[in-house]
Structures are given as structure tokens and as C-alpha cells.
């Protein structure tokens, strides 16, 4: 039972203060236990889970602090307007619209294209929009998505695409295809880049039958850097595009929808309906502008580090892990794992070993996500340097050696 002091006017703030202090102490204890040191050697963490874990660089933080802002929901934020105009020119579209997330950008795009409930959307069965976006196109837009098997490069079979489009037009029993969604780069295939010729063929096929093409370009800049073409050279083969700032570009928040003027006018209405209208969003747009400014240099370095790691892992010649070097096109490396569950490999890469400290004088923790039952995925970003890549490779060598001898 509480004492009389707990029932006074200052009781609630005092109790909240005590609770917050206790929670902070528990957090510090958990952090120390998870990332502390062994034998006095600090653990260096190389986080390869995703390029979404990037932290804003000092230049981004300064730009955010100094951003000139207004009410973006009224279209009055000058920094957002600058970002939208800059991105429209970069992507080669008439207009763009700043939204909180790429998931919202994709949903808005589908809703703009598929105005009739029950419309059909054709897409790959492993693409992000189909697997990782809560089925929003069905939940919210009333769109029937029909997944097709992804080919190894992240592409779809053109003959099957045409068959399904024609089926909906030839009889009353099937939904009418209004949209094809492509993802570039294709994350489930390990960051593979869709060839320009393939994009051209899909767009021509869609136009032939009155359908449209939306490009999930969450990592579009990675594709452009890998192909050595401007982003507009990719987007010209699509009717709309989404574009994310919070992955390889390193901004904390934000994405874009891009397309014709009338499309973006409708996208603005749908953003409001979905709760995506923002006020002084220039503080976020400022970070995105900084991310765009040095995107080519940063992403090229990420790609080179991924290649360096993949080649180094292949040179280890471990029977437990292998990499297809031809599939490493951007900032992702998929490592095939044999002889133990990928979760166990990830656990060992994360753990700090006393033997490792004694052998190298350093303790390195590598964070990964298990990707399938036979592989794990490592993703490079601007927070992972060339030195970090070397450290991660050394950690893999240490763990694989321990597994083979133990």
C-alpha cells in the first residue's frame, strides 16, 4: 500500500521520475551487457543488417537544424519544395511528392493507377511491395495482386506477364490488369539491377494492353550507380516511381512519389487520406537534399566494399559459406550457408570471443539478419567503412575456422 506522501500533489511526477530512472538504469545495464568489452577490449560493431540503420551524418544534422521551413500540408515549406523540384529533375518526371515512407509511396502509386476496386496488379512473389508492406494494396486499395515467380535476376517472365494481362481482357471471369510493379534494385535477389532492355520491354508490353508500370525505386540510386546511367534513364521506362531517402542515402526519414503532374495532384489527395500530410517537414527534406548531393560517391563506395567482402569470403574457400560473385551488383551480398542453420552463424558472428581478442587484440561483432533457411544477407551502407569491411571479413574467417576445427 502507498504511504501518505505518494498521494500528495507532487506524487505523480515523483513516481514518474523514479520509474524513468529505473528504466534508464536497466537500459544502460542491457547496453553494457550487449556491447561492452571483454578483457578490457571494446567490442567494435559492424552492422550489416540493412542500409536502413544509417545515422545522419554531421552535414545532415546541420542542414536539419538550419532548414527554412513552412507548412508543407499547405505546400508552403520551401525546403520540401526545393527537394521535390530537385528530385523531379533527377528522375526525369514532371513532379514529385515528399511522403514519410517508401511503403506509403508505393501504396499511393498503386491507388492512383488502380482506381477500380478489384483491379489486378502483377508483381514478383518476393518483391518488397508484396511481402513486406502488410498487403496494403488489398487492405486499403482493394487491389488484387497476382504474384509471379521471380527469376534469378529479379525479373519476371515476359511471356507469363503477357498471358495474364490478356486473360483479364478476354473474358468476364478474371480481373483486369491495370498495373505492373517492378523493384529496382531487387532486394530479395541480393540487390540485383534490372537491365534497361528488360524495363523497356515491360513498358512496351504494358502500353500495348493499356496497363501501366510502377517502379519501386527504394534503391533506385544504387541501380543508377551500378549501371552508370542517370536515374532518369531508368525511370523513363515507367509511368510512376517511388524513391527512398532513408536507405543508402542515409537520411532519417522520407521518400518520394514521382510521375506526371495530374498523377501527383491525385497523390497529394491520397497522401492526406493516408495520414501522410506533414507540417514543417523541411527539417526532413534538408537531410534528404544532403543525401542526394553526395549519393553517387557514397553508393559507389558501398558497392566497392560489398565486392571486396564477397571476394574475400570466396577466397576463404570455406565449405560452409559461398558467394556468387556475379550476383553482387550493388551493396548487398547473399551468403549461402551449409552445415549449420544461418541463425547459428549469425549468433556466432555477433558474439564476442575471448580467443578472438587474444588472437587479434580486437573484438568485432557482426550483425546480420538470417535471410532464408540456406543463406544470410549482408548490406553495405555509409556507416560501414573499408576498415569495417576488413574487420567483418576477419570475424567471418575467425568464426568459420572455429567451426571447421571444433
Protein backbone atom coordinates (compact mmCIF):
# COMPACT_ATOMS: atom_id res chain seq x y z
CA UNK A 1 0.00 0.00 0.00
CA UNK A 2 1.26 3.53 -0.76
CA UNK A 3 2.27 5.81 2.06
CA UNK A 4 0.60 9.21 2.56
CA UNK A 5 3.42 11.00 0.73
CA UNK A 6 2.53 9.18 -2.51
CA UNK A 7 -0.91 10.78 -2.51
CA UNK A 8 0.21 14.44 -2.48
CA UNK A 9 0.06 16.83 -5.44
CA UNK A 10 3.64 16.03 -6.45
CA UNK A 11 3.18 12.27 -6.21
CA UNK A 12 2.68 11.55 -9.92
CA UNK A 13 5.75 13.46 -11.15
CA UNK A 14 7.86 11.95 -8.38
CA UNK A 15 6.70 8.45 -9.24
CA UNK A 16 7.29 9.00 -12.97
CA UNK A 17 10.78 10.31 -12.19
CA UNK A 18 11.61 7.19 -10.17
CA UNK A 19 10.23 4.92 -12.88
CA UNK A 20 12.18 6.72 -15.62
CA UNK A 21 15.42 6.48 -13.62
CA UNK A 22 14.89 2.76 -13.06
CA UNK A 23 14.17 2.21 -16.76
CA UNK A 24 17.28 4.18 -17.74
CA UNK A 25 19.45 2.12 -15.39
CA UNK A 26 18.05 -1.12 -16.85
CA UNK A 27 18.70 0.16 -20.38
CA UNK A 28 22.31 1.04 -19.53
CA UNK A 29 22.82 -2.40 -17.98
CA UNK A 30 21.43 -4.14 -21.07
CA UNK A 31 23.59 -1.99 -23.37
CA UNK A 32 26.70 -2.70 -21.38
CA UNK A 33 25.96 -6.41 -21.42
CA UNK A 34 25.28 -6.46 -25.16
CA UNK A 35 28.02 -4.20 -26.44
CA UNK A 36 30.56 -3.86 -23.69
CA UNK A 37 34.09 -5.18 -23.52
CA UNK A 38 35.90 -8.42 -22.89
CA UNK A 39 39.27 -8.39 -21.10
CA UNK A 40 39.22 -4.59 -21.38
CA UNK A 41 38.85 -4.64 -25.18
CA UNK A 42 35.84 -2.68 -26.51
CA UNK A 43 33.64 -4.51 -28.99
CA UNK A 44 33.50 -2.91 -32.43
CA UNK A 45 30.08 -3.46 -34.03
CA UNK A 46 29.77 -3.78 -37.80
CA UNK A 47 26.05 -3.59 -38.53
CA UNK A 48 25.26 -5.25 -41.87
CA UNK A 49 21.58 -5.94 -41.23
CA UNK A 50 20.33 -3.29 -43.63
CA UNK A 51 21.11 0.10 -45.15
CA UNK A 52 18.21 1.44 -43.07
CA UNK A 53 20.43 1.51 -39.95
CA UNK A 54 22.47 4.51 -41.14
CA UNK A 55 22.81 7.53 -38.86
CA UNK A 56 22.55 11.10 -40.19
CA UNK A 57 26.00 12.49 -40.93
CA UNK A 58 27.12 15.79 -39.33
CA UNK A 59 26.34 17.69 -42.53
CA UNK A 60 22.80 16.31 -42.46
CA UNK A 61 22.30 17.30 -38.83
CA UNK A 62 23.49 20.84 -39.56
CA UNK A 63 21.18 21.09 -42.57
CA UNK A 64 18.25 19.87 -40.49
CA UNK A 65 18.97 22.37 -37.72
CA UNK A 66 19.25 25.28 -40.15
CA UNK A 67 16.42 24.34 -42.56
CA UNK A 68 13.99 27.05 -43.63
CA UNK A 69 10.53 25.59 -43.05
CA UNK A 70 6.85 26.23 -43.60
CA UNK A 71 3.62 24.25 -43.56
CA UNK A 72 4.09 21.52 -46.17
CA UNK A 73 0.45 20.43 -45.87
CA UNK A 74 -0.33 23.81 -47.43
CA UNK A 75 2.50 23.40 -49.92
CA UNK A 76 4.42 26.22 -48.20
CA UNK A 77 7.61 24.55 -46.98
CA UNK A 78 10.43 25.96 -49.15
CA UNK A 79 12.90 23.16 -48.35
CA UNK A 80 10.38 20.47 -49.27
CA UNK A 81 9.59 22.32 -52.48
CA UNK A 82 13.31 22.51 -53.29
CA UNK A 83 13.70 18.78 -52.67
CA UNK A 84 10.68 17.94 -54.84
CA UNK A 85 11.92 20.10 -57.72
CA UNK A 86 15.47 18.74 -57.45
CA UNK A 87 14.24 15.16 -57.40
CA UNK A 88 11.85 15.71 -60.32
CA UNK A 89 14.76 16.88 -62.46
CA UNK A 90 16.95 13.98 -61.29
CA UNK A 91 14.25 11.39 -62.04
CA UNK A 92 13.09 12.99 -65.28
CA UNK A 93 9.45 13.32 -64.18
CA UNK A 94 7.10 16.31 -64.19
CA UNK A 95 6.60 16.43 -60.45
CA UNK A 96 7.34 14.60 -57.20
CA UNK A 97 5.69 14.50 -53.78
CA UNK A 98 7.51 14.09 -50.45
CA UNK A 99 5.98 11.40 -48.20
CA UNK A 100 7.08 9.79 -44.91
CA UNK A 101 8.00 6.31 -46.20
CA UNK A 102 8.55 4.34 -49.38
CA UNK A 103 5.79 1.95 -48.30
CA UNK A 104 3.37 4.87 -48.41
CA UNK A 105 4.83 5.99 -51.73
CA UNK A 106 4.14 2.56 -53.23
CA UNK A 107 0.61 2.40 -51.82
CA UNK A 108 -0.23 5.88 -53.10
CA UNK A 109 1.09 4.96 -56.54
CA UNK A 110 -0.99 1.78 -56.71
CA UNK A 111 -4.10 3.69 -55.61
CA UNK A 112 -3.51 6.38 -58.23
CA UNK A 113 -3.18 3.84 -61.04
CA UNK A 114 -5.85 1.33 -59.94
CA UNK A 115 -8.99 3.41 -59.48
CA UNK A 116 -11.38 0.48 -59.87
CA UNK A 117 -11.74 -1.90 -56.91
CA UNK A 118 -10.70 -5.40 -57.89
CA UNK A 119 -8.15 -4.17 -60.41
CA UNK A 120 -5.25 -6.55 -60.90
CA UNK A 121 -1.64 -5.77 -60.01
CA UNK A 122 1.06 -8.05 -61.40
CA UNK A 123 4.31 -8.26 -59.45
CA UNK A 124 7.02 -10.65 -58.26
CA UNK A 125 6.20 -13.00 -55.41
CA UNK A 126 9.33 -11.95 -53.48
CA UNK A 127 9.17 -8.22 -54.15
CA UNK A 128 9.02 -5.83 -51.21
CA UNK A 129 5.59 -4.47 -52.04
CA UNK A 130 4.07 -7.96 -51.98
CA UNK A 131 5.90 -9.45 -48.98
CA UNK A 132 6.79 -6.63 -46.60
CA UNK A 133 4.12 -3.93 -46.91
CA UNK A 134 1.25 -5.53 -44.95
CA UNK A 135 -0.79 -6.28 -48.05
CA UNK A 136 -1.81 -2.62 -48.07
CA UNK A 137 -2.87 -2.74 -51.72
CA UNK A 138 -5.54 -5.27 -50.71
CA UNK A 139 -6.35 -3.92 -47.23
CA UNK A 140 -6.69 -0.29 -48.23
CA UNK A 141 -6.81 0.00 -52.02
CA UNK A 142 -8.96 -3.05 -52.80
CA UNK A 143 -6.48 -4.14 -55.46
CA UNK A 144 -5.99 -7.80 -56.35
CA UNK A 145 -2.26 -8.53 -56.53
CA UNK A 146 -1.21 -11.55 -58.58
CA UNK A 147 2.36 -12.63 -57.75
CA UNK A 148 4.59 -14.25 -60.37
CA UNK A 149 7.77 -16.26 -59.70
CA UNK A 150 10.86 -14.06 -59.60
CA UNK A 151 13.63 -15.07 -61.97
CA UNK A 152 17.18 -15.10 -60.53
CA UNK A 153 17.91 -11.56 -61.70
CA UNK A 154 14.76 -10.16 -60.05
CA UNK A 155 12.93 -10.03 -63.36
CA UNK A 156 9.61 -11.59 -64.38
CA UNK A 157 8.88 -13.87 -67.33
CA UNK A 158 7.61 -11.64 -70.14
CA UNK A 159 5.52 -14.34 -71.77
CA UNK A 160 3.72 -15.05 -68.49
CA UNK A 161 3.17 -11.35 -67.94
CA UNK A 162 1.52 -11.04 -71.34
CA UNK A 163 -0.59 -14.16 -70.78
CA UNK A 164 -2.02 -12.81 -67.53
CA UNK A 165 -2.71 -9.36 -68.97
CA UNK A 166 -4.52 -10.80 -71.98
CA UNK A 167 -6.55 -13.20 -69.82
CA UNK A 168 -8.17 -10.32 -67.97
CA UNK A 169 -9.15 -8.66 -71.23
CA UNK A 170 -10.59 -11.72 -72.96
CA UNK A 171 -13.42 -12.65 -70.61
CA UNK A 172 -15.51 -11.52 -67.64
CA UNK A 173 -14.16 -14.10 -65.19
CA UNK A 174 -10.76 -12.58 -64.48
CA UNK A 175 -9.67 -9.24 -63.01
CA UNK A 176 -8.36 -6.64 -65.44
CA UNK A 177 -4.68 -5.86 -65.06
CA UNK A 178 -4.12 -2.15 -64.67
CA UNK A 179 -0.61 -2.12 -63.25
CA UNK A 180 2.73 -3.96 -63.25
CA UNK A 181 5.06 -3.26 -60.35
CA UNK A 182 8.84 -3.74 -60.66
CA UNK A 183 11.50 -3.33 -57.96
CA UNK A 184 14.92 -1.88 -58.77
CA UNK A 185 17.25 -2.81 -57.21
CA UNK A 186 15.61 -6.13 -56.33
CA UNK A 187 16.40 -6.68 -52.67
CA UNK A 188 15.28 -10.32 -52.34
CA UNK A 189 17.61 -11.23 -55.19
CA UNK A 190 20.52 -9.59 -53.40
CA UNK A 191 20.36 -6.06 -54.80
CA UNK A 192 20.29 -7.13 -58.45
CA UNK A 193 19.80 -4.39 -61.04
CA UNK A 194 17.04 -4.69 -63.64
CA UNK A 195 18.50 -4.35 -67.15
CA UNK A 196 17.40 -1.31 -69.14
CA UNK A 197 16.34 -3.50 -72.06
CA UNK A 198 14.07 -5.50 -69.75
CA UNK A 199 12.45 -2.32 -68.41
CA UNK A 200 11.86 -1.17 -71.97
CA UNK A 201 10.21 -4.49 -72.87
CA UNK A 202 7.91 -4.48 -69.84
CA UNK A 203 6.83 -0.90 -70.50
CA UNK A 204 6.08 -1.63 -74.16
CA UNK A 205 4.09 -4.70 -73.14
CA UNK A 206 2.06 -2.70 -70.64
CA UNK A 207 1.35 0.07 -73.16
CA UNK A 208 0.20 -2.49 -75.74
CA UNK A 209 -2.59 -3.66 -73.43
CA UNK A 210 -3.47 -0.40 -71.70
CA UNK A 211 -1.69 -1.13 -68.42
CA UNK A 212 0.93 0.96 -66.62
CA UNK A 213 4.24 0.31 -64.87
CA UNK A 214 5.18 1.48 -61.39
CA UNK A 215 8.80 1.24 -60.28
CA UNK A 216 9.52 0.60 -56.60
CA UNK A 217 12.76 2.56 -56.65
CA UNK A 218 13.60 2.38 -52.95
CA UNK A 219 17.22 1.76 -54.02
CA UNK A 220 17.00 3.35 -57.45
CA UNK A 221 20.21 5.34 -56.93
CA UNK A 222 22.09 2.08 -56.30
CA UNK A 223 20.81 0.83 -59.66
CA UNK A 224 21.80 4.04 -61.42
CA UNK A 225 25.31 3.97 -59.96
CA UNK A 226 25.75 0.31 -60.91
CA UNK A 227 24.54 0.90 -64.48
CA UNK A 228 26.44 4.19 -64.77
CA UNK A 229 23.34 5.95 -66.07
CA UNK A 230 21.36 8.89 -64.66
CA UNK A 231 18.26 7.83 -62.69
CA UNK A 232 16.09 9.42 -65.39
CA UNK A 233 17.46 6.87 -67.85
CA UNK A 234 15.80 4.16 -65.76
CA UNK A 235 12.60 5.98 -64.83
CA UNK A 236 11.78 6.89 -68.45
CA UNK A 237 10.57 3.32 -68.93
CA UNK A 238 7.97 3.60 -66.13
CA UNK A 239 4.76 5.55 -65.52
CA UNK A 240 5.48 6.32 -61.88
CA UNK A 241 8.28 5.80 -59.38
CA UNK A 242 8.87 5.70 -55.64
CA UNK A 243 12.23 6.82 -54.30
CA UNK A 244 13.56 6.37 -50.74
CA UNK A 245 15.96 8.62 -48.82
CA UNK A 246 16.28 6.56 -45.62
CA UNK A 247 18.30 3.65 -47.01
CA UNK A 248 21.61 4.08 -48.80
CA UNK A 249 21.26 7.87 -48.95
CA UNK A 250 21.38 7.94 -45.16
CA UNK A 251 18.56 10.36 -44.33
CA UNK A 252 16.49 9.50 -41.24
CA UNK A 253 13.05 9.75 -42.86
CA UNK A 254 11.40 10.27 -46.19
CA UNK A 255 10.55 9.09 -49.69
CA UNK A 256 9.06 10.46 -52.89
CA UNK A 257 6.35 9.63 -55.39
CA UNK A 258 7.21 10.77 -58.91
CA UNK A 259 5.16 10.99 -62.09
CA UNK A 260 3.10 13.29 -64.35
CA UNK A 261 1.51 16.44 -62.91
CA UNK A 262 -2.03 15.02 -62.84
CA UNK A 263 -0.74 11.88 -61.12
CA UNK A 264 0.97 13.88 -58.37
CA UNK A 265 -2.15 16.01 -57.85
CA UNK A 266 -4.06 12.82 -57.06
CA UNK A 267 -1.14 11.53 -55.00
CA UNK A 268 -1.37 14.67 -52.84
CA UNK A 269 -5.03 13.90 -52.06
CA UNK A 270 -4.22 10.28 -51.21
CA UNK A 271 -1.28 11.25 -49.01
CA UNK A 272 -3.70 13.34 -46.96
CA UNK A 273 -6.20 10.46 -46.76
CA UNK A 274 -3.48 8.08 -45.53
CA UNK A 275 -2.31 10.45 -42.81
CA UNK A 276 0.89 11.40 -44.60
CA UNK A 277 0.38 15.14 -44.66
CA UNK A 278 3.24 16.80 -42.77
CA UNK A 279 3.77 20.30 -41.45
CA UNK A 280 7.31 21.72 -41.05
CA UNK A 281 8.77 18.80 -42.99
CA UNK A 282 11.68 20.86 -44.27
CA UNK A 283 13.82 19.56 -41.40
CA UNK A 284 13.47 16.11 -43.02
CA UNK A 285 13.74 17.32 -46.59
CA UNK A 286 17.02 19.09 -45.72
CA UNK A 287 18.60 15.77 -44.76
CA UNK A 288 17.33 14.22 -47.98
CA UNK A 289 18.92 17.01 -50.03
CA UNK A 290 22.28 16.36 -48.39
CA UNK A 291 21.88 12.64 -49.09
CA UNK A 292 21.21 13.37 -52.76
CA UNK A 293 24.18 15.70 -53.09
CA UNK A 294 26.83 13.03 -52.47
CA UNK A 295 24.81 9.94 -53.35
CA UNK A 296 26.96 8.78 -56.27
CA UNK A 297 30.21 8.92 -54.32
CA UNK A 298 28.76 7.27 -51.19
CA UNK A 299 26.93 4.48 -53.00
CA UNK A 300 29.88 3.66 -55.23
CA UNK A 301 31.97 3.20 -52.10
CA UNK A 302 29.29 0.93 -50.62
CA UNK A 303 29.30 -1.18 -53.78
CA UNK A 304 33.08 -1.46 -53.73
CA UNK A 305 33.09 -2.55 -50.09
CA UNK A 306 30.45 -5.20 -50.82
CA UNK A 307 32.56 -6.50 -53.71
CA UNK A 308 35.65 -6.52 -51.52
CA UNK A 309 33.88 -8.55 -48.87
CA UNK A 310 32.41 -11.00 -51.37
CA UNK A 311 35.81 -11.65 -52.98
CA UNK A 312 37.45 -12.03 -49.58
CA UNK A 313 34.83 -14.51 -48.42
CA UNK A 314 35.22 -16.51 -51.61
CA UNK A 315 39.00 -16.63 -51.06
CA UNK A 316 38.43 -18.21 -47.64
CA UNK A 317 37.23 -21.28 -49.59
CA UNK A 318 35.09 -22.43 -46.68
CA UNK A 319 32.80 -25.41 -47.38
CA UNK A 320 30.24 -23.78 -45.07
CA UNK A 321 29.85 -20.45 -46.89
CA UNK A 322 29.91 -19.41 -50.53
CA UNK A 323 29.13 -16.33 -52.59
CA UNK A 324 28.10 -15.95 -56.23
CA UNK A 325 30.31 -13.02 -57.24
CA UNK A 326 28.35 -12.44 -60.44
CA UNK A 327 25.26 -11.69 -58.33
CA UNK A 328 26.96 -8.95 -56.27
CA UNK A 329 25.97 -5.91 -58.31
CA UNK A 330 25.32 -3.22 -55.70
CA UNK A 331 25.52 -3.02 -51.90
CA UNK A 332 24.20 -6.47 -50.96
CA UNK A 333 25.89 -9.84 -50.59
CA UNK A 334 23.92 -13.05 -50.15
CA UNK A 335 26.00 -15.75 -48.49
CA UNK A 336 24.89 -19.36 -48.98
CA UNK A 337 25.31 -21.35 -45.76
CA UNK A 338 25.77 -25.13 -45.48
CA UNK A 339 26.25 -27.38 -42.49
CA UNK A 340 24.60 -25.20 -39.86
CA UNK A 341 21.50 -23.01 -39.54
CA UNK A 342 22.06 -19.40 -40.69
CA UNK A 343 20.75 -18.26 -37.30
CA UNK A 344 23.62 -20.08 -35.60
CA UNK A 345 26.16 -18.45 -37.90
CA UNK A 346 24.65 -15.04 -37.15
CA UNK A 347 24.77 -15.74 -33.41
CA UNK A 348 28.46 -16.64 -33.59
CA UNK A 349 29.29 -13.58 -35.68
CA UNK A 350 27.52 -11.41 -33.15
CA UNK A 351 29.19 -12.96 -30.09
CA UNK A 352 32.48 -11.70 -28.67
CA UNK A 353 35.09 -14.42 -28.18
CA UNK A 354 37.97 -14.38 -25.67
CA UNK A 355 40.04 -16.35 -28.16
CA UNK A 356 39.38 -13.74 -30.81
CA UNK A 357 40.59 -10.99 -28.50
CA UNK A 358 43.73 -12.96 -27.63
CA UNK A 359 44.45 -13.70 -31.29
CA UNK A 360 43.79 -10.32 -32.86
CA UNK A 361 43.72 -7.87 -30.00
CA UNK A 362 40.27 -6.76 -31.20
CA UNK A 363 36.74 -7.90 -30.60
CA UNK A 364 34.34 -7.46 -33.51
CA UNK A 365 30.61 -8.11 -33.51
CA UNK A 366 28.89 -8.51 -36.88
CA UNK A 367 25.13 -8.02 -37.02
CA UNK A 368 23.21 -9.82 -39.77
CA UNK A 369 19.65 -10.94 -40.43
CA UNK A 370 19.02 -14.58 -41.43
CA UNK A 371 17.51 -14.29 -44.89
CA UNK A 372 16.39 -17.81 -45.81
CA UNK A 373 16.92 -21.29 -44.46
CA UNK A 374 20.10 -21.56 -46.54
CA UNK A 375 21.53 -18.03 -46.64
CA UNK A 376 22.13 -14.73 -44.91
CA UNK A 377 22.24 -11.25 -46.42
CA UNK A 378 24.81 -8.56 -45.67
CA UNK A 379 24.08 -4.97 -46.70
CA UNK A 380 26.67 -2.20 -47.02
CA UNK A 381 25.98 1.46 -46.26
CA UNK A 382 27.88 4.66 -45.49
CA UNK A 383 28.33 3.76 -41.81
CA UNK A 384 30.42 0.72 -42.84
CA UNK A 385 33.90 1.78 -43.91
CA UNK A 386 36.57 -0.15 -45.81
CA UNK A 387 38.22 -0.85 -42.45
CA UNK A 388 34.91 -2.17 -41.09
CA UNK A 389 34.66 -4.42 -44.12
CA UNK A 390 38.11 -5.84 -43.36
CA UNK A 391 37.16 -6.33 -39.71
CA UNK A 392 33.93 -8.09 -40.68
CA UNK A 393 35.79 -10.37 -43.06
CA UNK A 394 38.29 -11.17 -40.31
CA UNK A 395 35.43 -12.03 -37.99
CA UNK A 396 33.94 -14.37 -40.60
CA UNK A 397 37.33 -16.03 -41.07
CA UNK A 398 37.70 -16.47 -37.30
CA UNK A 399 34.22 -17.98 -36.87
CA UNK A 400 34.48 -20.28 -39.89
CA UNK A 401 37.87 -21.50 -38.75
CA UNK A 402 36.49 -22.21 -35.28
CA UNK A 403 33.53 -24.08 -36.76
CA UNK A 404 35.71 -26.21 -39.02
CA UNK A 405 38.10 -27.18 -36.21
CA UNK A 406 35.55 -27.51 -33.43
